[in-house]
Amino acid sequence: MEFEDFKKYVEENCNAKSIFFNKVTTYFNEQVASSDNNVYLSPSQIKSEVKKGWNSTLNNLHSKVSSKVKVKKTDSYPIRVEKWIAEMAELEILDEFTESIDDMEFE
């Protein structure tokens, strides 16, 4: 499954994105507001950093799932997508991913 299709599927089928965006935005805002602040980011820079972090997290997940999905070179793209979705369902990837994002903490 191509990354953009994977990203769309994840974003449409679990609420990990909203959890991630809330947690990471809060973290950056706290860092900026902190009295021992070494971080100077504008709201638009924070938004950009959160998006980069989300894409990086999804790239890691895509790589993890990619290593587990068995597709043939002769499979058409729709068949490959079906295999990806079936494998993700079987491994409960979206549930585990959402749970890991929900458990994410910053120090």
PDB file of N, CA and C in Angstrom:
ATOM      1  N   MET A   1       0.856  -1.168   0.000  1.00  0.00           N
ATOM      2  CA  MET A   1       0.000   0.000   0.000  1.00  0.00           C
ATOM      3  C   MET A   1       0.903   1.232   0.000  1.00  0.00           C
ATOM      4  N   GLU A   2       0.615   2.133  -0.886  1.00  0.00           N
ATOM      5  CA  GLU A   2       1.387   3.371  -0.950  1.00  0.00           C
ATOM      6  C   GLU A   2       1.185   4.164   0.345  1.00  0.00           C
ATOM      7  N   PHE A   3       2.191   4.950   0.733  1.00  0.00           N
ATOM      8  CA  PHE A   3       2.136   5.672   1.998  1.00  0.00           C
ATOM      9  C   PHE A   3       0.920   6.594   2.097  1.00  0.00           C
ATOM     10  N   GLU A   4       0.625   7.349   1.057  1.00  0.00           N
ATOM     11  CA  GLU A   4      -0.497   8.294   1.127  1.00  0.00           C
ATOM     12  C   GLU A   4      -1.829   7.574   1.345  1.00  0.00           C
ATOM     13  N   ASP A   5      -2.011   6.426   0.698  1.00  0.00           N
ATOM     14  CA  ASP A   5      -3.225   5.637   0.914  1.00  0.00           C
ATOM     15  C   ASP A   5      -3.258   5.069   2.331  1.00  0.00           C
ATOM     16  N   PHE A   6      -2.109   4.641   2.802  1.00  0.00           N
ATOM     17  CA  PHE A   6      -1.997   4.126   4.164  1.00  0.00           C
ATOM     18  C   PHE A   6      -2.349   5.216   5.178  1.00  0.00           C
ATOM     19  N   LYS A   7      -1.779   6.391   4.974  1.00  0.00           N
ATOM     20  CA  LYS A   7      -2.038   7.525   5.858  1.00  0.00           C
ATOM     21  C   LYS A   7      -3.532   7.847   5.894  1.00  0.00           C
ATOM     22  N   LYS A   8      -4.139   7.914   4.736  1.00  0.00           N
ATOM     23  CA  LYS A   8      -5.569   8.212   4.649  1.00  0.00           C
ATOM     24  C   LYS A   8      -6.383   7.142   5.379  1.00  0.00           C
ATOM     25  N   TYR A   9      -6.039   5.888   5.174  1.00  0.00           N
ATOM     26  CA  TYR A   9      -6.750   4.790   5.821  1.00  0.00           C
ATOM     27  C   TYR A   9      -6.647   4.898   7.345  1.00  0.00           C
ATOM     28  N   VAL A  10      -5.446   5.123   7.846  1.00  0.00           N
ATOM     29  CA  VAL A  10      -5.247   5.230   9.294  1.00  0.00           C
ATOM     30  C   VAL A  10      -6.046   6.414   9.846  1.00  0.00           C
ATOM     31  N   GLU A  11      -5.946   7.550   9.182  1.00  0.00           N
ATOM     32  CA  GLU A  11      -6.630   8.750   9.668  1.00  0.00           C
ATOM     33  C   GLU A  11      -8.148   8.607   9.646  1.00  0.00           C
ATOM     34  N   GLU A  12      -8.671   7.833   8.708  1.00  0.00           N
ATOM     35  CA  GLU A  12     -10.116   7.662   8.601  1.00  0.00           C
ATOM     36  C   GLU A  12     -10.656   6.556   9.511  1.00  0.00           C
ATOM     37  N   ASN A  13      -9.783   5.667   9.980  1.00  0.00           N
ATOM     38  CA  ASN A  13     -10.260   4.487  10.698  1.00  0.00           C
ATOM     39  C   ASN A  13      -9.824   4.386  12.159  1.00  0.00           C
ATOM     40  N   CYS A  14      -9.168   5.403  12.658  1.00  0.00           N
ATOM     41  CA  CYS A  14      -8.874   5.441  14.095  1.00  0.00           C
ATOM     42  C   CYS A  14      -8.708   6.897  14.513  1.00  0.00           C
ATOM     43  N   ASN A  15      -8.751   7.132  15.811  1.00  0.00           N
ATOM     44  CA  ASN A  15      -8.669   8.512  16.291  1.00  0.00           C
ATOM     45  C   ASN A  15      -7.274   8.866  16.807  1.00  0.00           C
ATOM     46  N   ALA A  16      -6.271   8.128  16.393  1.00  0.00           N
ATOM     47  CA  ALA A  16      -4.900   8.376  16.840  1.00  0.00           C
ATOM     48  C   ALA A  16      -4.410   9.767  16.441  1.00  0.00           C
ATOM     49  N   LYS A  17      -4.833  10.260  15.291  1.00  0.00           N
ATOM     50  CA  LYS A  17      -4.354  11.565  14.831  1.00  0.00           C
ATOM     51  C   LYS A  17      -4.783  12.672  15.785  1.00  0.00           C
ATOM     52  N   SER A  18      -6.042  12.675  16.182  1.00  0.00           N
ATOM     53  CA  SER A  18      -6.497  13.741  17.075  1.00  0.00           C
ATOM     54  C   SER A  18      -5.807  13.653  18.431  1.00  0.00           C
ATOM     55  N   ILE A  19      -5.589  12.437  18.929  1.00  0.00           N
ATOM     56  CA  ILE A  19      -4.877  12.262  20.198  1.00  0.00           C
ATOM     57  C   ILE A  19      -3.444  12.775  20.064  1.00  0.00           C
ATOM     58  N   PHE A  20      -2.776  12.367  18.983  1.00  0.00           N
ATOM     59  CA  PHE A  20      -1.390  12.776  18.738  1.00  0.00           C
ATOM     60  C   PHE A  20      -1.294  14.290  18.649  1.00  0.00           C
ATOM     61  N   PHE A  21      -2.147  14.905  17.816  1.00  0.00           N
ATOM     62  CA  PHE A  21      -2.093  16.351  17.622  1.00  0.00           C
ATOM     63  C   PHE A  21      -2.324  17.086  18.940  1.00  0.00           C
ATOM     64  N   ASN A  22      -3.299  16.633  19.734  1.00  0.00           N
ATOM     65  CA  ASN A  22      -3.568  17.288  21.020  1.00  0.00           C
ATOM     66  C   ASN A  22      -2.385  17.165  21.965  1.00  0.00           C
ATOM     67  N   LYS A  23      -1.835  15.973  22.101  1.00  0.00           N
ATOM     68  CA  LYS A  23      -0.731  15.754  23.033  1.00  0.00           C
ATOM     69  C   LYS A  23       0.530  16.519  22.624  1.00  0.00           C
ATOM     70  N   VAL A  24       0.891  16.435  21.358  1.00  0.00           N
ATOM     71  CA  VAL A  24       2.137  17.063  20.915  1.00  0.00           C
ATOM     72  C   VAL A  24       1.990  18.591  20.892  1.00  0.00           C
ATOM     73  N   THR A  25       0.845  19.089  20.496  1.00  0.00           N
ATOM     74  CA  THR A  25       0.623  20.535  20.526  1.00  0.00           C
ATOM     75  C   THR A  25       0.694  21.044  21.966  1.00  0.00           C
ATOM     76  N   THR A  26       0.062  20.338  22.880  1.00  0.00           N
ATOM     77  CA  THR A  26       0.117  20.713  24.296  1.00  0.00           C
ATOM     78  C   THR A  26       1.553  20.704  24.799  1.00  0.00           C
ATOM     79  N   TYR A  27       2.296  19.673  24.436  1.00  0.00           N
ATOM     80  CA  TYR A  27       3.701  19.582  24.844  1.00  0.00           C
ATOM     81  C   TYR A  27       4.496  20.790  24.345  1.00  0.00           C
ATOM     82  N   PHE A  28       4.380  21.123  23.072  1.00  0.00           N
ATOM     83  CA  PHE A  28       5.119  22.262  22.528  1.00  0.00           C
ATOM     84  C   PHE A  28       4.680  23.566  23.187  1.00  0.00           C
ATOM     85  N   ASN A  29       3.393  23.736  23.386  1.00  0.00           N
ATOM     86  CA  ASN A  29       2.905  24.955  24.035  1.00  0.00           C
ATOM     87  C   ASN A  29       3.446  25.078  25.456  1.00  0.00           C
ATOM     88  N   GLU A  30       3.509  23.965  26.172  1.00  0.00           N
ATOM     89  CA  GLU A  30       4.078  23.978  27.526  1.00  0.00           C
ATOM     90  C   GLU A  30       5.566  24.318  27.495  1.00  0.00           C
ATOM     91  N   GLN A  31       6.271  23.796  26.496  1.00  0.00           N
ATOM     92  CA  GLN A  31       7.698  24.103  26.366  1.00  0.00           C
ATOM     93  C   GLN A  31       7.917  25.582  26.090  1.00  0.00           C
ATOM     94  N   VAL A  32       7.099  26.150  25.240  1.00  0.00           N
ATOM     95  CA  VAL A  32       7.220  27.570  24.902  1.00  0.00           C
ATOM     96  C   VAL A  32       6.885  28.435  26.119  1.00  0.00           C
ATOM     97  N   ALA A  33       5.877  28.032  26.888  1.00  0.00           N
ATOM     98  CA  ALA A  33       5.432  28.814  28.045  1.00  0.00           C
ATOM     99  C   ALA A  33       6.300  28.607  29.284  1.00  0.00           C
ATOM    100  N   SER A  34       7.130  27.588  29.273  1.00  0.00           N
ATOM    101  CA  SER A  34       7.944  27.248  30.430  1.00  0.00           C
ATOM    102  C   SER A  34       8.902  28.376  30.796  1.00  0.00           C
ATOM    103  N   SER A  35       9.146  28.552  32.108  1.00  0.00           N
ATOM    104  CA  SER A  35      10.059  29.608  32.568  1.00  0.00           C
ATOM    105  C   SER A  35      11.509  29.302  32.196  1.00  0.00           C
ATOM    106  N   ASP A  36      11.888  28.052  32.126  1.00  0.00           N
ATOM    107  CA  ASP A  36      13.240  27.695  31.682  1.00  0.00           C
ATOM    108  C   ASP A  36      13.229  27.339  30.194  1.00  0.00           C
ATOM    109  N   ASN A  37      12.491  28.136  29.468  1.00  0.00           N
ATOM    110  CA  ASN A  37      12.219  27.919  28.051  1.00  0.00           C
ATOM    111  C   ASN A  37      13.461  28.093  27.179  1.00  0.00           C
ATOM    112  N   ASN A  38      13.764  27.067  26.441  1.00  0.00           N
ATOM    113  CA  ASN A  38      14.790  27.145  25.405  1.00  0.00           C
ATOM    114  C   ASN A  38      14.165  26.966  24.036  1.00  0.00           C
ATOM    115  N   VAL A  39      12.834  26.894  24.012  1.00  0.00           N
ATOM    116  CA  VAL A  39      12.107  26.660  22.769  1.00  0.00           C
ATOM    117  C   VAL A  39      11.320  27.915  22.414  1.00  0.00           C
ATOM    118  N   TYR A  40      11.549  28.420  21.231  1.00  0.00           N
ATOM    119  CA  TYR A  40      10.835  29.605  20.753  1.00  0.00           C
ATOM    120  C   TYR A  40      10.177  29.253  19.426  1.00  0.00           C
ATOM    121  N   LEU A  41       8.906  28.906  19.498  1.00  0.00           N
ATOM    122  CA  LEU A  41       8.164  28.540  18.302  1.00  0.00           C
ATOM    123  C   LEU A  41       6.871  29.338  18.239  1.00  0.00           C
ATOM    124  N   SER A  42       6.554  29.803  17.049  1.00  0.00           N
ATOM    125  CA  SER A  42       5.279  30.480  16.839  1.00  0.00           C
ATOM    126  C   SER A  42       4.194  29.410  16.711  1.00  0.00           C
ATOM    127  N   PRO A  43       2.928  29.795  16.835  1.00  0.00           N
ATOM    128  CA  PRO A  43       1.856  28.806  16.654  1.00  0.00           C
ATOM    129  C   PRO A  43       1.929  28.081  15.309  1.00  0.00           C
ATOM    130  N   SER A  44       2.298  28.791  14.249  1.00  0.00           N
ATOM    131  CA  SER A  44       2.396  28.126  12.944  1.00  0.00           C
ATOM    132  C   SER A  44       3.582  27.164  12.904  1.00  0.00           C
ATOM    133  N   GLN A  45       4.662  27.492  13.594  1.00  0.00           N
ATOM    134  CA  GLN A  45       5.795  26.579  13.659  1.00  0.00           C
ATOM    135  C   GLN A  45       5.447  25.331  14.469  1.00  0.00           C
ATOM    136  N   ILE A  46       4.689  25.521  15.540  1.00  0.00           N
ATOM    137  CA  ILE A  46       4.244  24.382  16.342  1.00  0.00           C
ATOM    138  C   ILE A  46       3.383  23.468  15.478  1.00  0.00           C
ATOM    139  N   LYS A  47       2.449  24.051  14.759  1.00  0.00           N
ATOM    140  CA  LYS A  47       1.570  23.265  13.885  1.00  0.00           C
ATOM    141  C   LYS A  47       2.387  22.476  12.870  1.00  0.00           C
ATOM    142  N   SER A  48       3.380  23.114  12.294  1.00  0.00           N
ATOM    143  CA  SER A  48       4.244  22.453  11.315  1.00  0.00           C
ATOM    144  C   SER A  48       5.031  21.307  11.945  1.00  0.00           C
ATOM    145  N   GLU A  49       5.567  21.514  13.137  1.00  0.00           N
ATOM    146  CA  GLU A  49       6.328  20.470  13.825  1.00  0.00           C
ATOM    147  C   GLU A  49       5.438  19.286  14.192  1.00  0.00           C
ATOM    148  N   VAL A  50       4.201  19.574  14.597  1.00  0.00           N
ATOM    149  CA  VAL A  50       3.268  18.497  14.940  1.00  0.00           C
ATOM    150  C   VAL A  50       2.961  17.666  13.696  1.00  0.00           C
ATOM    151  N   LYS A  51       2.730  18.331  12.559  1.00  0.00           N
ATOM    152  CA  LYS A  51       2.466  17.612  11.305  1.00  0.00           C
ATOM    153  C   LYS A  51       3.658  16.747  10.909  1.00  0.00           C
ATOM    154  N   LYS A  52       4.872  17.296  11.060  1.00  0.00           N
ATOM    155  CA  LYS A  52       6.081  16.519  10.740  1.00  0.00           C
ATOM    156  C   LYS A  52       6.180  15.290  11.640  1.00  0.00           C
ATOM    157  N   GLY A  53       5.895  15.480  12.912  1.00  0.00           N
ATOM    158  CA  GLY A  53       5.944  14.363  13.855  1.00  0.00           C
ATOM    159  C   GLY A  53       4.919  13.291  13.520  1.00  0.00           C
ATOM    160  N   TRP A  54       3.721  13.721  13.117  1.00  0.00           N
ATOM    161  CA  TRP A  54       2.674  12.782  12.737  1.00  0.00           C
ATOM    162  C   TRP A  54       3.101  11.980  11.511  1.00  0.00           C
ATOM    163  N   ASN A  55       3.623  12.668  10.508  1.00  0.00           N
ATOM    164  CA  ASN A  55       4.060  11.974   9.290  1.00  0.00           C
ATOM    165  C   ASN A  55       5.203  11.008   9.585  1.00  0.00           C
ATOM    166  N   SER A  56       6.103  11.399  10.448  1.00  0.00           N
ATOM    167  CA  SER A  56       7.211  10.522  10.824  1.00  0.00           C
ATOM    168  C   SER A  56       6.693   9.284  11.557  1.00  0.00           C
ATOM    169  N   THR A  57       5.750   9.487  12.456  1.00  0.00           N
ATOM    170  CA  THR A  57       5.150   8.376  13.189  1.00  0.00           C
ATOM    171  C   THR A  57       4.442   7.420  12.227  1.00  0.00           C
ATOM    172  N   LEU A  58       3.708   7.983  11.271  1.00  0.00           N
ATOM    173  CA  LEU A  58       3.027   7.136  10.290  1.00  0.00           C
ATOM    174  C   LEU A  58       4.010   6.418   9.377  1.00  0.00           C
ATOM    175  N   ASN A  59       5.114   7.069   9.021  1.00  0.00           N
ATOM    176  CA  ASN A  59       6.143   6.400   8.211  1.00  0.00           C
ATOM    177  C   ASN A  59       6.696   5.187   8.950  1.00  0.00           C
ATOM    178  N   ASN A  60       6.933   5.345  10.250  1.00  0.00           N
ATOM    179  CA  ASN A  60       7.428   4.219  11.048  1.00  0.00           C
ATOM    180  C   ASN A  60       6.410   3.087  11.083  1.00  0.00           C
ATOM    181  N   LEU A  61       5.141   3.429  11.278  1.00  0.00           N
ATOM    182  CA  LEU A  61       4.093   2.415  11.304  1.00  0.00           C
ATOM    183  C   LEU A  61       3.972   1.730   9.939  1.00  0.00           C
ATOM    184  N   HIS A  62       4.045   2.509   8.873  1.00  0.00           N
ATOM    185  CA  HIS A  62       3.963   1.965   7.516  1.00  0.00           C
ATOM    186  C   HIS A  62       5.081   0.952   7.289  1.00  0.00           C
ATOM    187  N   SER A  63       6.280   1.285   7.713  1.00  0.00           N
ATOM    188  CA  SER A  63       7.420   0.368   7.566  1.00  0.00           C
ATOM    189  C   SER A  63       7.198  -0.907   8.368  1.00  0.00           C
ATOM    190  N   LYS A  64       6.679  -0.763   9.572  1.00  0.00           N
ATOM    191  CA  LYS A  64       6.415  -1.927  10.430  1.00  0.00           C
ATOM    192  C   LYS A  64       5.392  -2.851   9.775  1.00  0.00           C
ATOM    193  N   VAL A  65       4.317  -2.290   9.282  1.00  0.00           N
ATOM    194  CA  VAL A  65       3.271  -3.101   8.654  1.00  0.00           C
ATOM    195  C   VAL A  65       3.780  -3.694   7.347  1.00  0.00           C
ATOM    196  N   SER A  66       4.532  -2.928   6.599  1.00  0.00           N
ATOM    197  CA  SER A  66       5.056  -3.373   5.309  1.00  0.00           C
ATOM    198  C   SER A  66       5.859  -4.657   5.437  1.00  0.00           C
ATOM    199  N   SER A  67       6.585  -4.781   6.533  1.00  0.00           N
ATOM    200  CA  SER A  67       7.404  -5.981   6.728  1.00  0.00           C
ATOM    201  C   SER A  67       6.560  -7.212   7.036  1.00  0.00           C
ATOM    202  N   LYS A  68       5.317  -7.025   7.410  1.00  0.00           N
ATOM    203  CA  LYS A  68       4.448  -8.144   7.787  1.00  0.00           C
ATOM    204  C   LYS A  68       3.469  -8.558   6.692  1.00  0.00           C
ATOM    205  N   VAL A  69       3.229  -7.677   5.732  1.00  0.00           N
ATOM    206  CA  VAL A  69       2.245  -7.965   4.688  1.00  0.00           C
ATOM    207  C   VAL A  69       2.913  -8.718   3.545  1.00  0.00           C
ATOM    208  N   LYS A  70       2.290  -9.799   3.166  1.00  0.00           N
ATOM    209  CA  LYS A  70       2.810 -10.619   2.069  1.00  0.00           C
ATOM    210  C   LYS A  70       2.020 -10.306   0.799  1.00  0.00           C
ATOM    211  N   VAL A  71       2.659  -9.616  -0.123  1.00  0.00           N
ATOM    212  CA  VAL A  71       2.031  -9.330  -1.414  1.00  0.00           C
ATOM    213  C   VAL A  71       2.943  -9.837  -2.523  1.00  0.00           C
ATOM    214  N   LYS A  72       2.344 -10.130  -3.646  1.00  0.00           N
ATOM    215  CA  LYS A  72       3.097 -10.584  -4.812  1.00  0.00           C
ATOM    216  C   LYS A  72       3.255  -9.415  -5.772  1.00  0.00           C
ATOM    217  N   LYS A  73       4.331  -9.452  -6.519  1.00  0.00           N
ATOM    218  CA  LYS A  73       4.538  -8.411  -7.520  1.00  0.00           C
ATOM    219  C   LYS A  73       3.441  -8.422  -8.571  1.00  0.00           C
ATOM    220  N   THR A  74       2.850  -9.569  -8.768  1.00  0.00           N
ATOM    221  CA  THR A  74       1.801  -9.692  -9.781  1.00  0.00           C
ATOM    222  C   THR A  74       0.430  -9.260  -9.269  1.00  0.00           C
ATOM    223  N   ASP A  75       0.302  -9.026  -7.945  1.00  0.00           N
ATOM    224  CA  ASP A  75      -0.973  -8.560  -7.399  1.00  0.00           C
ATOM    225  C   ASP A  75      -1.279  -7.155  -7.918  1.00  0.00           C
ATOM    226  N   SER A  76      -2.518  -6.944  -8.282  1.00  0.00           N
ATOM    227  CA  SER A  76      -2.915  -5.591  -8.673  1.00  0.00           C
ATOM    228  C   SER A  76      -2.950  -4.711  -7.422  1.00  0.00           C
ATOM    229  N   TYR A  77      -2.936  -3.407  -7.619  1.00  0.00           N
ATOM    230  CA  TYR A  77      -2.916  -2.503  -6.474  1.00  0.00           C
ATOM    231  C   TYR A  77      -4.126  -2.704  -5.557  1.00  0.00           C
ATOM    232  N   PRO A  78      -5.335  -2.843  -6.092  1.00  0.00           N
ATOM    233  CA  PRO A  78      -6.479  -3.088  -5.187  1.00  0.00           C
ATOM    234  C   PRO A  78      -6.326  -4.365  -4.352  1.00  0.00           C
ATOM    235  N   ILE A  79      -5.731  -5.390  -4.917  1.00  0.00           N
ATOM    236  CA  ILE A  79      -5.497  -6.631  -4.172  1.00  0.00           C
ATOM    237  C   ILE A  79      -4.466  -6.383  -3.073  1.00  0.00           C
ATOM    238  N   ARG A  80      -3.428  -5.625  -3.376  1.00  0.00           N
ATOM    239  CA  ARG A  80      -2.413  -5.293  -2.371  1.00  0.00           C
ATOM    240  C   ARG A  80      -3.042  -4.534  -1.207  1.00  0.00           C
ATOM    241  N   VAL A  81      -3.897  -3.574  -1.538  1.00  0.00           N
ATOM    242  CA  VAL A  81      -4.567  -2.790  -0.495  1.00  0.00           C
ATOM    243  C   VAL A  81      -5.418  -3.704   0.382  1.00  0.00           C
ATOM    244  N   GLU A  82      -6.155  -4.622  -0.238  1.00  0.00           N
ATOM    245  CA  GLU A  82      -6.973  -5.569   0.522  1.00  0.00           C
ATOM    246  C   GLU A  82      -6.108  -6.404   1.467  1.00  0.00           C
ATOM    247  N   LYS A  83      -4.951  -6.836   0.983  1.00  0.00           N
ATOM    248  CA  LYS A  83      -4.051  -7.639   1.822  1.00  0.00           C
ATOM    249  C   LYS A  83      -3.530  -6.807   2.992  1.00  0.00           C
ATOM    250  N   TRP A  84      -3.190  -5.556   2.730  1.00  0.00           N
ATOM    251  CA  TRP A  84      -2.733  -4.671   3.802  1.00  0.00           C
ATOM    252  C   TRP A  84      -3.816  -4.507   4.857  1.00  0.00           C
ATOM    253  N   ILE A  85      -5.023  -4.222   4.411  1.00  0.00           N
ATOM    254  CA  ILE A  85      -6.130  -3.986   5.351  1.00  0.00           C
ATOM    255  C   ILE A  85      -6.422  -5.260   6.152  1.00  0.00           C
ATOM    256  N   ALA A  86      -6.411  -6.399   5.486  1.00  0.00           N
ATOM    257  CA  ALA A  86      -6.655  -7.665   6.178  1.00  0.00           C
ATOM    258  C   ALA A  86      -5.569  -7.930   7.224  1.00  0.00           C
ATOM    259  N   GLU A  87      -4.331  -7.692   6.868  1.00  0.00           N
ATOM    260  CA  GLU A  87      -3.222  -7.920   7.797  1.00  0.00           C
ATOM    261  C   GLU A  87      -3.295  -6.952   8.983  1.00  0.00           C
ATOM    262  N   MET A  88      -3.623  -5.706   8.703  1.00  0.00           N
ATOM    263  CA  MET A  88      -3.746  -4.728   9.792  1.00  0.00           C
ATOM    264  C   MET A  88      -4.877  -5.117  10.736  1.00  0.00           C
ATOM    265  N   ALA A  89      -5.970  -5.612  10.183  1.00  0.00           N
ATOM    266  CA  ALA A  89      -7.096  -6.042  11.027  1.00  0.00           C
ATOM    267  C   ALA A  89      -6.694  -7.240  11.874  1.00  0.00           C
ATOM    268  N   GLU A  90      -6.025  -8.201  11.246  1.00  0.00           N
ATOM    269  CA  GLU A  90      -5.624  -9.407  11.957  1.00  0.00           C
ATOM    270  C   GLU A  90      -4.653  -9.090  13.094  1.00  0.00           C
ATOM    271  N   LEU A  91      -3.728  -8.183  12.851  1.00  0.00           N
ATOM    272  CA  LEU A  91      -2.726  -7.817  13.859  1.00  0.00           C
ATOM    273  C   LEU A  91      -3.221  -6.719  14.809  1.00  0.00           C
ATOM    274  N   GLU A  92      -4.423  -6.236  14.566  1.00  0.00           N
ATOM    275  CA  GLU A  92      -5.008  -5.151  15.361  1.00  0.00           C
ATOM    276  C   GLU A  92      -4.089  -3.932  15.409  1.00  0.00           C
ATOM    277  N   ILE A  93      -3.522  -3.611  14.276  1.00  0.00           N
ATOM    278  CA  ILE A  93      -2.563  -2.518  14.160  1.00  0.00           C
ATOM    279  C   ILE A  93      -3.172  -1.189  14.598  1.00  0.00           C
ATOM    280  N   LEU A  94      -4.362  -0.874  14.121  1.00  0.00           N
ATOM    281  CA  LEU A  94      -4.957   0.423  14.442  1.00  0.00           C
ATOM    282  C   LEU A  94      -5.254   0.552  15.932  1.00  0.00           C
ATOM    283  N   ASP A  95      -5.740  -0.516  16.545  1.00  0.00           N
ATOM    284  CA  ASP A  95      -6.009  -0.481  17.986  1.00  0.00           C
ATOM    285  C   ASP A  95      -4.718  -0.295  18.781  1.00  0.00           C
ATOM    286  N   GLU A  96      -3.704  -1.046  18.421  1.00  0.00           N
ATOM    287  CA  GLU A  96      -2.423  -0.937  19.120  1.00  0.00           C
ATOM    288  C   GLU A  96      -1.790   0.436  18.900  1.00  0.00           C
ATOM    289  N   PHE A  97      -1.883   0.939  17.683  1.00  0.00           N
ATOM    290  CA  PHE A  97      -1.316   2.245  17.366  1.00  0.00           C
ATOM    291  C   PHE A  97      -2.019   3.334  18.172  1.00  0.00           C
ATOM    292  N   THR A  98      -3.340   3.300  18.197  1.00  0.00           N
ATOM    293  CA  THR A  98      -4.103   4.299  18.958  1.00  0.00           C
ATOM    294  C   THR A  98      -3.760   4.208  20.439  1.00  0.00           C
ATOM    295  N   GLU A  99      -3.663   2.998  20.944  1.00  0.00           N
ATOM    296  CA  GLU A  99      -3.319   2.808  22.349  1.00  0.00           C
ATOM    297  C   GLU A  99      -1.925   3.344  22.657  1.00  0.00           C
ATOM    298  N   SER A 100      -0.966   3.099  21.768  1.00  0.00           N
ATOM    299  CA  SER A 100       0.393   3.586  22.008  1.00  0.00           C
ATOM    300  C   SER A 100       0.451   5.113  21.958  1.00  0.00           C
ATOM    301  N   ILE A 101      -0.323   5.720  21.079  1.00  0.00           N
ATOM    302  CA  ILE A 101      -0.378   7.184  21.018  1.00  0.00           C
ATOM    303  C   ILE A 101      -1.037   7.721  22.291  1.00  0.00           C
ATOM    304  N   ASP A 102      -2.090   7.055  22.732  1.00  0.00           N
ATOM    305  CA  ASP A 102      -2.787   7.471  23.941  1.00  0.00           C
ATOM    306  C   ASP A 102      -1.883   7.362  25.174  1.00  0.00           C
ATOM    307  N   ASP A 103      -0.998   6.372  25.199  1.00  0.00           N
ATOM    308  CA  ASP A 103      -0.086   6.167  26.329  1.00  0.00           C
ATOM    309  C   ASP A 103       1.182   7.019  26.242  1.00  0.00           C
ATOM    310  N   MET A 104       1.367   7.700  25.150  1.00  0.00           N
ATOM    311  CA  MET A 104       2.563   8.497  24.912  1.00  0.00           C
ATOM    312  C   MET A 104       2.700   9.593  25.975  1.00  0.00           C
ATOM    313  N   GLU A 105       3.897   9.710  26.525  1.00  0.00           N
ATOM    314  CA  GLU A 105       4.176  10.737  27.522  1.00  0.00           C
ATOM    315  C   GLU A 105       5.476  11.456  27.173  1.00  0.00           C
ATOM    316  N   PHE A 106       5.562  12.693  27.620  1.00  0.00           N
ATOM    317  CA  PHE A 106       6.749  13.507  27.398  1.00  0.00           C
ATOM    318  C   PHE A 106       7.367  13.846  28.744  1.00  0.00           C
ATOM    319  N   GLU A 107       8.670  13.971  28.754  1.00  0.00           N
ATOM    320  CA  GLU A 107       9.359  14.345  30.001  1.00  0.00           C
ATOM    321  C   GLU A 107       9.891  15.746  29.901  1.00  0.00           C
TER     322      GLU A 107
END
